[in-house]
C-alpha atoms as a PDB file:
ATOM      1  CA  MET A   1      -9.700 -82.445-155.715  1.00  0.00           C
ATOM      2  CA  THR A   2      -9.890 -86.030-154.537  1.00  0.00           C
ATOM      3  CA  SER A   3     -13.303 -86.677-152.978  1.00  0.00           C
ATOM      4  CA  GLU A   4     -12.925 -90.342-152.037  1.00  0.00           C
ATOM      5  CA  LEU A   5     -10.154 -92.916-151.675  1.00  0.00           C
ATOM      6  CA  LYS A   6     -10.923 -96.196-153.433  1.00  0.00           C
ATOM      7  CA  LYS A   7      -8.700 -99.249-152.969  1.00  0.00           C
ATOM      8  CA  SER A   8      -9.435-100.531-156.452  1.00  0.00           C
ATOM      9  CA  SER A   9      -8.379 -97.320-158.203  1.00  0.00           C
ATOM     10  CA  ILE A  10      -4.933 -96.853-156.580  1.00  0.00           C
ATOM     11  CA  SER A  11      -2.163 -99.151-157.770  1.00  0.00           C
ATOM     12  CA  ASN A  12       0.697 -96.880-156.715  1.00  0.00           C
ATOM     13  CA  PRO A  13       0.172 -94.696-153.609  1.00  0.00           C
ATOM     14  CA  ILE A  14       3.432 -92.783-154.180  1.00  0.00           C
ATOM     15  CA  LEU A  15       2.003 -91.524-157.456  1.00  0.00           C
ATOM     16  CA  VAL A  16      -0.957 -90.167-155.476  1.00  0.00           C
ATOM     17  CA  LEU A  17       1.495 -88.353-153.183  1.00  0.00           C
ATOM     18  CA  LYS A  18       3.138 -86.802-156.232  1.00  0.00           C
ATOM     19  CA  GLU A  19      -0.247 -85.725-157.594  1.00  0.00           C
ATOM     20  CA  TRP A  20      -1.279 -84.192-154.273  1.00  0.00           C
ATOM     21  CA  ILE A  21       1.945 -82.164-154.066  1.00  0.00           C
ATOM     22  CA  GLY A  22       1.267 -80.952-157.594  1.00  0.00           C
ATOM     23  CA  GLU A  23      -2.263 -79.971-156.645  1.00  0.00           C
ATOM     24  CA  ALA A  24      -1.016 -78.110-153.561  1.00  0.00           C
ATOM     25  CA  ARG A  25       1.577 -76.285-155.675  1.00  0.00           C
ATOM     26  CA  LYS A  26      -1.010 -75.305-158.287  1.00  0.00           C
ATOM     27  CA  SER A  27      -3.457 -74.029-155.662  1.00  0.00           C
ATOM     28  CA  GLU A  28      -0.689 -71.959-153.989  1.00  0.00           C
ATOM     29  CA  ILE A  29      -1.979 -72.812-150.516  1.00  0.00           C
ATOM     30  CA  GLN A  30       1.531 -72.648-149.002  1.00  0.00           C
ATOM     31  CA  PRO A  31       4.950 -71.401-150.135  1.00  0.00           C
ATOM     32  CA  ASN A  32       6.579 -74.852-150.077  1.00  0.00           C
ATOM     33  CA  PRO A  33       3.981 -77.566-150.766  1.00  0.00           C
ATOM     34  CA  ASN A  34       6.764 -80.184-150.811  1.00  0.00           C
ATOM     35  CA  THR A  35       7.520 -79.606-147.115  1.00  0.00           C
ATOM     36  CA  MET A  36       7.550 -82.750-144.998  1.00  0.00           C
ATOM     37  CA  SER A  37       8.342 -83.589-141.409  1.00  0.00           C
ATOM     38  CA  ILE A  38      11.100 -86.192-140.990  1.00  0.00           C
ATOM     39  CA  SER A  39      11.372 -88.113-137.722  1.00  0.00           C
ATOM     40  CA  THR A  40      14.393 -90.133-136.591  1.00  0.00           C
ATOM     41  CA  VAL A  41      15.429 -91.514-133.205  1.00  0.00           C
ATOM     42  CA  ASP A  42      18.521 -90.909-131.100  1.00  0.00           C
ATOM     43  CA  SER A  43      20.628 -93.481-129.235  1.00  0.00           C
ATOM     44  CA  MET A  44      18.137 -93.469-126.353  1.00  0.00           C
ATOM     45  CA  GLY A  45      15.198 -94.167-128.655  1.00  0.00           C
ATOM     46  CA  CYS A  46      13.814 -90.635-128.297  1.00  0.00           C
ATOM     47  CA  PRO A  47      12.299 -89.239-131.520  1.00  0.00           C
ATOM     48  CA  ASN A  48      13.387 -86.024-133.215  1.00  0.00           C
ATOM     49  CA  SER A  49      11.320 -84.315-135.911  1.00  0.00           C
ATOM     50  CA  ARG A  50      12.157 -81.474-138.275  1.00  0.00           C
ATOM     51  CA  MET A  51      10.832 -79.976-141.498  1.00  0.00           C
ATOM     52  CA  VAL A  52      12.704 -80.596-144.749  1.00  0.00           C
ATOM     53  CA  LEU A  53      11.898 -80.193-148.442  1.00  0.00           C
ATOM     54  CA  CYS A  54      11.127 -83.237-150.555  1.00  0.00           C
ATOM     55  CA  LYS A  55      13.144 -82.580-153.711  1.00  0.00           C
ATOM     56  CA  GLU A  56      12.436 -85.733-155.700  1.00  0.00           C
ATOM     57  CA  ILE A  57       9.866 -88.514-155.828  1.00  0.00           C
ATOM     58  CA  ASN A  58      10.590 -91.715-157.726  1.00  0.00           C
ATOM     59  CA  GLU A  59       7.200 -93.385-157.893  1.00  0.00           C
ATOM     60  CA  ASP A  60       8.493 -96.360-159.920  1.00  0.00           C
ATOM     61  CA  LEU A  61      11.182 -97.485-157.441  1.00  0.00           C
ATOM     62  CA  GLY A  62       9.391 -96.020-154.433  1.00  0.00           C
ATOM     63  CA  TYR A  63      11.657 -93.476-152.779  1.00  0.00           C
ATOM     64  CA  LEU A  64      11.722 -89.774-151.862  1.00  0.00           C
ATOM     65  CA  VAL A  65      14.784 -87.515-151.618  1.00  0.00           C
ATOM     66  CA  PHE A  66      15.769 -84.670-149.309  1.00  0.00           C
ATOM     67  CA  TYR A  67      19.115 -82.932-148.744  1.00  0.00           C
ATOM     68  CA  THR A  68      21.019 -82.048-145.596  1.00  0.00           C
ATOM     69  CA  ASN A  69      24.372 -81.772-143.865  1.00  0.00           C
ATOM     70  CA  TYR A  70      25.848 -85.240-143.285  1.00  0.00           C
ATOM     71  CA  ASN A  71      27.367 -84.044-139.987  1.00  0.00           C
ATOM     72  CA  SER A  72      24.044 -82.830-138.589  1.00  0.00           C
ATOM     73  CA  LYS A  73      22.218 -84.392-135.663  1.00  0.00           C
ATOM     74  CA  LYS A  74      19.667 -85.972-137.980  1.00  0.00           C
ATOM     75  CA  SER A  75      22.393 -87.547-140.116  1.00  0.00           C
ATOM     76  CA  LYS A  76      24.144 -89.002-137.077  1.00  0.00           C
ATOM     77  CA  GLU A  77      20.853 -90.523-135.991  1.00  0.00           C
ATOM     78  CA  ILE A  78      20.287 -91.903-139.491  1.00  0.00           C
ATOM     79  CA  GLU A  79      23.733 -93.504-139.565  1.00  0.00           C
ATOM     80  CA  SER A  80      23.052 -95.343-136.311  1.00  0.00           C
ATOM     81  CA  GLN A  81      19.409 -96.209-137.042  1.00  0.00           C
ATOM     82  CA  ASN A  82      18.111 -95.728-140.568  1.00  0.00           C
ATOM     83  CA  ASN A  83      14.409 -96.208-139.871  1.00  0.00           C
ATOM     84  CA  CYS A  84      12.385 -93.033-140.272  1.00  0.00           C
ATOM     85  CA  SER A  85       8.910 -91.634-140.664  1.00  0.00           C
ATOM     86  CA  ALA A  86       7.749 -88.720-142.789  1.00  0.00           C
ATOM     87  CA  LEU A  87       4.578 -86.661-142.798  1.00  0.00           C
ATOM     88  CA  PHE A  88       2.961 -84.380-145.371  1.00  0.00           C
ATOM     89  CA  HIS A  89      -0.135 -82.323-144.565  1.00  0.00           C
ATOM     90  CA  TRP A  90      -2.114 -79.829-146.649  1.00  0.00           C
ATOM     91  CA  ASP A  91      -4.933 -78.691-144.395  1.00  0.00           C
ATOM     92  CA  PRO A  92      -6.846 -76.513-146.933  1.00  0.00           C
ATOM     93  CA  LEU A  93      -7.039 -79.511-149.285  1.00  0.00           C
ATOM     94  CA  GLY A  94      -7.831 -82.028-146.565  1.00  0.00           C
ATOM     95  CA  TYR A  95      -4.908 -84.297-147.510  1.00  0.00           C
ATOM     96  CA  GLN A  96      -2.362 -86.036-145.309  1.00  0.00           C
ATOM     97  CA  VAL A  97       0.298 -88.629-146.144  1.00  0.00           C
ATOM     98  CA  ARG A  98       2.169 -90.684-143.542  1.00  0.00           C
ATOM     99  CA  ILE A  99       5.293 -92.624-144.533  1.00  0.00           C
ATOM    100  CA  ARG A 100       7.585 -95.147-142.865  1.00  0.00           C
ATOM    101  CA  GLY A 101      10.760 -96.304-144.526  1.00  0.00           C
ATOM    102  CA  LYS A 102      14.511 -96.808-144.662  1.00  0.00           C
ATOM    103  CA  LEU A 103      17.091 -94.070-145.286  1.00  0.00           C
ATOM    104  CA  ILE A 104      20.299 -94.340-147.290  1.00  0.00           C
ATOM    105  CA  LYS A 105      22.540 -91.683-148.840  1.00  0.00           C
ATOM    106  CA  SER A 106      21.877 -90.621-152.415  1.00  0.00           C
ATOM    107  CA  PRO A 107      24.561 -91.354-155.030  1.00  0.00           C
ATOM    108  CA  ASN A 108      27.205 -88.604-155.183  1.00  0.00           C
ATOM    109  CA  HIS A 109      26.387 -87.643-158.755  1.00  0.00           C
ATOM    110  CA  GLU A 110      22.741 -86.987-157.836  1.00  0.00           C
ATOM    111  CA  SER A 111      23.777 -84.766-154.929  1.00  0.00           C
ATOM    112  CA  ASP A 112      26.233 -82.950-157.227  1.00  0.00           C
ATOM    113  CA  ASN A 113      23.536 -82.365-159.829  1.00  0.00           C
ATOM    114  CA  TYR A 114      21.063 -80.967-157.328  1.00  0.00           C
ATOM    115  CA  PHE A 115      23.660 -78.800-155.559  1.00  0.00           C
ATOM    116  CA  SER A 116      24.561 -77.171-158.873  1.00  0.00           C
ATOM    117  CA  THR A 117      20.961 -75.945-159.288  1.00  0.00           C
ATOM    118  CA  ARG A 118      20.969 -74.003-156.010  1.00  0.00           C
ATOM    119  CA  LYS A 119      21.595 -70.278-155.866  1.00  0.00           C
ATOM    120  CA  VAL A 120      25.123 -69.287-154.899  1.00  0.00           C
ATOM    121  CA  GLY A 121      23.925 -68.046-151.501  1.00  0.00           C
ATOM    122  CA  SER A 122      22.422 -71.439-150.715  1.00  0.00           C
ATOM    123  CA  GLN A 123      25.557 -73.205-151.899  1.00  0.00           C
ATOM    124  CA  LEU A 124      27.667 -71.022-149.607  1.00  0.00           C
ATOM    125  CA  SER A 125      25.325 -71.698-146.675  1.00  0.00           C
ATOM    126  CA  ALA A 126      25.974 -75.421-147.036  1.00  0.00           C
ATOM    127  CA  TRP A 127      29.702 -74.746-146.728  1.00  0.00           C
ATOM    128  CA  ALA A 128      29.441 -72.175-143.920  1.00  0.00           C
ATOM    129  CA  SER A 129      27.203 -73.995-141.456  1.00  0.00           C
ATOM    130  CA  ASN A 130      28.345 -76.752-139.101  1.00  0.00           C
ATOM    131  CA  GLN A 131      24.727 -77.791-138.818  1.00  0.00           C
ATOM    132  CA  SER A 132      23.441 -78.578-135.303  1.00  0.00           C
ATOM    133  CA  ASP A 133      26.710 -77.460-133.636  1.00  0.00           C
ATOM    134  CA  HIS A 134      26.619 -74.806-130.920  1.00  0.00           C
ATOM    135  CA  ILE A 135      27.623 -71.252-131.874  1.00  0.00           C
ATOM    136  CA  GLU A 136      27.965 -68.296-129.549  1.00  0.00           C
ATOM    137  CA  ASN A 137      25.894 -65.720-131.442  1.00  0.00           C
ATOM    138  CA  ARG A 138      24.508 -64.686-134.816  1.00  0.00           C
ATOM    139  CA  GLU A 139      27.524 -62.469-135.502  1.00  0.00           C
ATOM    140  CA  SER A 140      29.819 -65.484-135.351  1.00  0.00           C
ATOM    141  CA  LEU A 141      27.563 -67.330-137.775  1.00  0.00           C
ATOM    142  CA  ASP A 142      27.556 -64.390-140.191  1.00  0.00           C
ATOM    143  CA  ASN A 143      31.341 -64.231-139.952  1.00  0.00           C
ATOM    144  CA  GLN A 144      31.553 -67.870-141.025  1.00  0.00           C
ATOM    145  CA  PHE A 145      29.473 -67.026-144.081  1.00  0.00           C
ATOM    146  CA  GLN A 146      31.698 -64.071-144.931  1.00  0.00           C
ATOM    147  CA  GLU A 147      34.787 -66.263-144.694  1.00  0.00           C
ATOM    148  CA  ILE A 148      33.291 -68.710-147.163  1.00  0.00           C
ATOM    149  CA  MET A 149      32.428 -65.843-149.515  1.00  0.00           C
ATOM    150  CA  LYS A 150      36.091 -64.801-149.446  1.00  0.00           C
ATOM    151  CA  ARG A 151      37.242 -68.380-149.964  1.00  0.00           C
ATOM    152  CA  PHE A 152      35.269 -68.691-153.203  1.00  0.00           C
ATOM    153  CA  ASP A 153      35.698 -65.024-154.224  1.00  0.00           C
ATOM    154  CA  ILE A 154      31.959 -64.315-154.142  1.00  0.00           C
ATOM    155  CA  GLN A 155      30.471 -60.816-153.972  1.00  0.00           C
ATOM    156  CA  ASP A 156      27.089 -59.791-152.546  1.00  0.00           C
ATOM    157  CA  ALA A 157      25.774 -59.262-156.081  1.00  0.00           C
ATOM    158  CA  ASP A 158      26.528 -62.923-156.870  1.00  0.00           C
ATOM    159  CA  LEU A 159      24.416 -64.498-154.137  1.00  0.00           C
ATOM    160  CA  ASP A 160      21.257 -64.912-156.244  1.00  0.00           C
ATOM    161  CA  SER A 161      23.144 -66.251-159.250  1.00  0.00           C
ATOM    162  CA  THR A 162      22.646 -69.777-160.556  1.00  0.00           C
ATOM    163  CA  GLU A 163      25.404 -69.383-163.149  1.00  0.00           C
ATOM    164  CA  ILE A 164      28.371 -69.444-160.767  1.00  0.00           C
ATOM    165  CA  LYS A 165      29.181 -73.019-159.806  1.00  0.00           C
ATOM    166  CA  ILE A 166      30.671 -73.905-156.446  1.00  0.00           C
ATOM    167  CA  PRO A 167      31.687 -77.511-155.688  1.00  0.00           C
ATOM    168  CA  ARG A 168      29.490 -79.472-153.319  1.00  0.00           C
ATOM    169  CA  PRO A 169      31.082 -80.097-149.912  1.00  0.00           C
ATOM    170  CA  ASP A 170      31.491 -83.807-149.248  1.00  0.00           C
ATOM    171  CA  PHE A 171      29.677 -83.398-145.913  1.00  0.00           C
ATOM    172  CA  TRP A 172      26.451 -82.313-147.649  1.00  0.00           C
ATOM    173  CA  GLY A 173      24.125 -84.342-149.848  1.00  0.00           C
ATOM    174  CA  GLY A 174      20.929 -86.265-150.260  1.00  0.00           C
ATOM    175  CA  TYR A 175      19.110 -89.086-148.521  1.00  0.00           C
ATOM    176  CA  ARG A 176      16.653 -91.420-150.150  1.00  0.00           C
ATOM    177  CA  ILE A 177      13.646 -92.514-148.129  1.00  0.00           C
ATOM    178  CA  TRP A 178      12.762 -95.977-149.414  1.00  0.00           C
ATOM    179  CA  VAL A 179       9.076 -96.319-148.608  1.00  0.00           C
ATOM    180  CA  LYS A 180       7.892 -99.525-146.999  1.00  0.00           C
ATOM    181  CA  GLU A 181       4.608 -98.166-145.665  1.00  0.00           C
ATOM    182  CA  ILE A 182       2.475 -95.227-146.766  1.00  0.00           C
ATOM    183  CA  GLU A 183      -0.928 -94.075-145.589  1.00  0.00           C
ATOM    184  CA  LEU A 184      -3.187 -91.781-147.592  1.00  0.00           C
ATOM    185  CA  TRP A 185      -5.590 -89.736-145.490  1.00  0.00           C
ATOM    186  CA  LEU A 186      -8.509 -87.749-146.882  1.00  0.00           C
ATOM    187  CA  ASN A 187     -10.647 -85.397-144.805  1.00  0.00           C
ATOM    188  CA  GLN A 188     -14.370 -86.225-144.738  1.00  0.00           C
ATOM    189  CA  ASN A 189     -17.429 -84.796-143.019  1.00  0.00           C
ATOM    190  CA  ASP A 190     -17.989 -85.364-139.299  1.00  0.00           C
ATOM    191  CA  ARG A 191     -14.356 -86.508-138.863  1.00  0.00           C
ATOM    192  CA  PHE A 192     -15.285 -89.775-140.594  1.00  0.00           C
ATOM    193  CA  HIS A 193     -12.152 -89.653-142.712  1.00  0.00           C
ATOM    194  CA  ASP A 194     -10.878 -91.952-145.469  1.00  0.00           C
ATOM    195  CA  ARG A 195      -7.653 -93.856-144.668  1.00  0.00           C
ATOM    196  CA  LEU A 196      -5.858 -96.323-146.926  1.00  0.00           C
ATOM    197  CA  SER A 197      -2.679 -98.076-145.761  1.00  0.00           C
ATOM    198  CA  PHE A 198      -0.214 -99.530-148.289  1.00  0.00           C
ATOM    199  CA  LYS A 199       2.651-101.831-147.271  1.00  0.00           C
ATOM    200  CA  ARG A 200       5.434-103.723-149.037  1.00  0.00           C
ATOM    201  CA  ASP A 201       8.520-105.667-147.976  1.00  0.00           C
ATOM    202  CA  LEU A 202      11.906-104.083-148.664  1.00  0.00           C
ATOM    203  CA  ILE A 203      14.994-106.111-149.551  1.00  0.00           C
ATOM    204  CA  GLU A 204      18.379-104.404-149.255  1.00  0.00           C
ATOM    205  CA  THR A 205      20.506-104.409-152.409  1.00  0.00           C
ATOM    206  CA  SER A 206      23.882-102.984-153.389  1.00  0.00           C
ATOM    207  CA  SER A 207      22.189 -99.852-154.771  1.00  0.00           C
ATOM    208  CA  GLY A 208      19.498 -99.365-152.139  1.00  0.00           C
ATOM    209  CA  PHE A 209      16.356-101.423-151.715  1.00  0.00           C
ATOM    210  CA  ASP A 210      13.969-103.447-153.808  1.00  0.00           C
ATOM    211  CA  SER A 211      10.612-105.077-153.249  1.00  0.00           C
ATOM    212  CA  GLU A 212       9.518-108.546-154.320  1.00  0.00           C
ATOM    213  CA  ASN A 213       5.839-107.890-153.764  1.00  0.00           C
ATOM    214  CA  ASP A 214       3.210-105.387-154.828  1.00  0.00           C
ATOM    215  CA  TRP A 215       1.642-102.967-152.395  1.00  0.00           C
ATOM    216  CA  VAL A 216      -0.717-104.617-149.924  1.00  0.00           C
ATOM    217  CA  VAL A 217      -3.572-102.229-149.249  1.00  0.00           C
ATOM    218  CA  LYS A 218      -5.973-102.086-146.300  1.00  0.00           C
ATOM    219  CA  ARG A 219      -8.678 -99.611-145.409  1.00  0.00           C
ATOM    220  CA  LEU A 220      -8.345 -98.227-141.878  1.00  0.00           C
ATOM    221  CA  GLN A 221     -11.057 -96.868-139.635  1.00  0.00           C
ATOM    222  CA  PRO A 222     -10.843 -93.120-138.915  1.00  0.00           C
END
């Protein structure tokens, strides 16, 4: 476990995030150690937060990836205002990571590749749910799922399969969080915690974002 955060020993804070997720997974402290809270804002500037799974970390370019329905409330907020924050926390390890960044959609081929790795049941769920829309009751929701099963000729025994391939719906895919600011937080005695803040400038490009400068690091008071 990390016992101290030293500015001089961390050249890439996103690599530390990746290492901490790996440590949390190895220690089995929670079922999904890659869980993170994503916060966006609506048209009135009010924040909305929800838990999602971080499915990829590119420490070289500096982005994280999660997947969702592109018609969901979060996606509509992202399309109108692509600033976001993310939060990871592993209380038994005493680690926390705060992130601020820009969101853009993942390339289609990356979303296709990830979708193909999901179990059939999860693939069908992406098709069956009009995420964030109102529905009268659970029975209606289950009926939507059954209709999708019929559409793709799927049986109950197939739901756990990863061999049957269903096409990805075009309204479902990934988002990349391009990190412009990341804070590493390490629990210490007497609430006198370690905090290191890393910042960089992002420049928008045709394929996402880039940075012309290295991470600028500052130690913060607890």
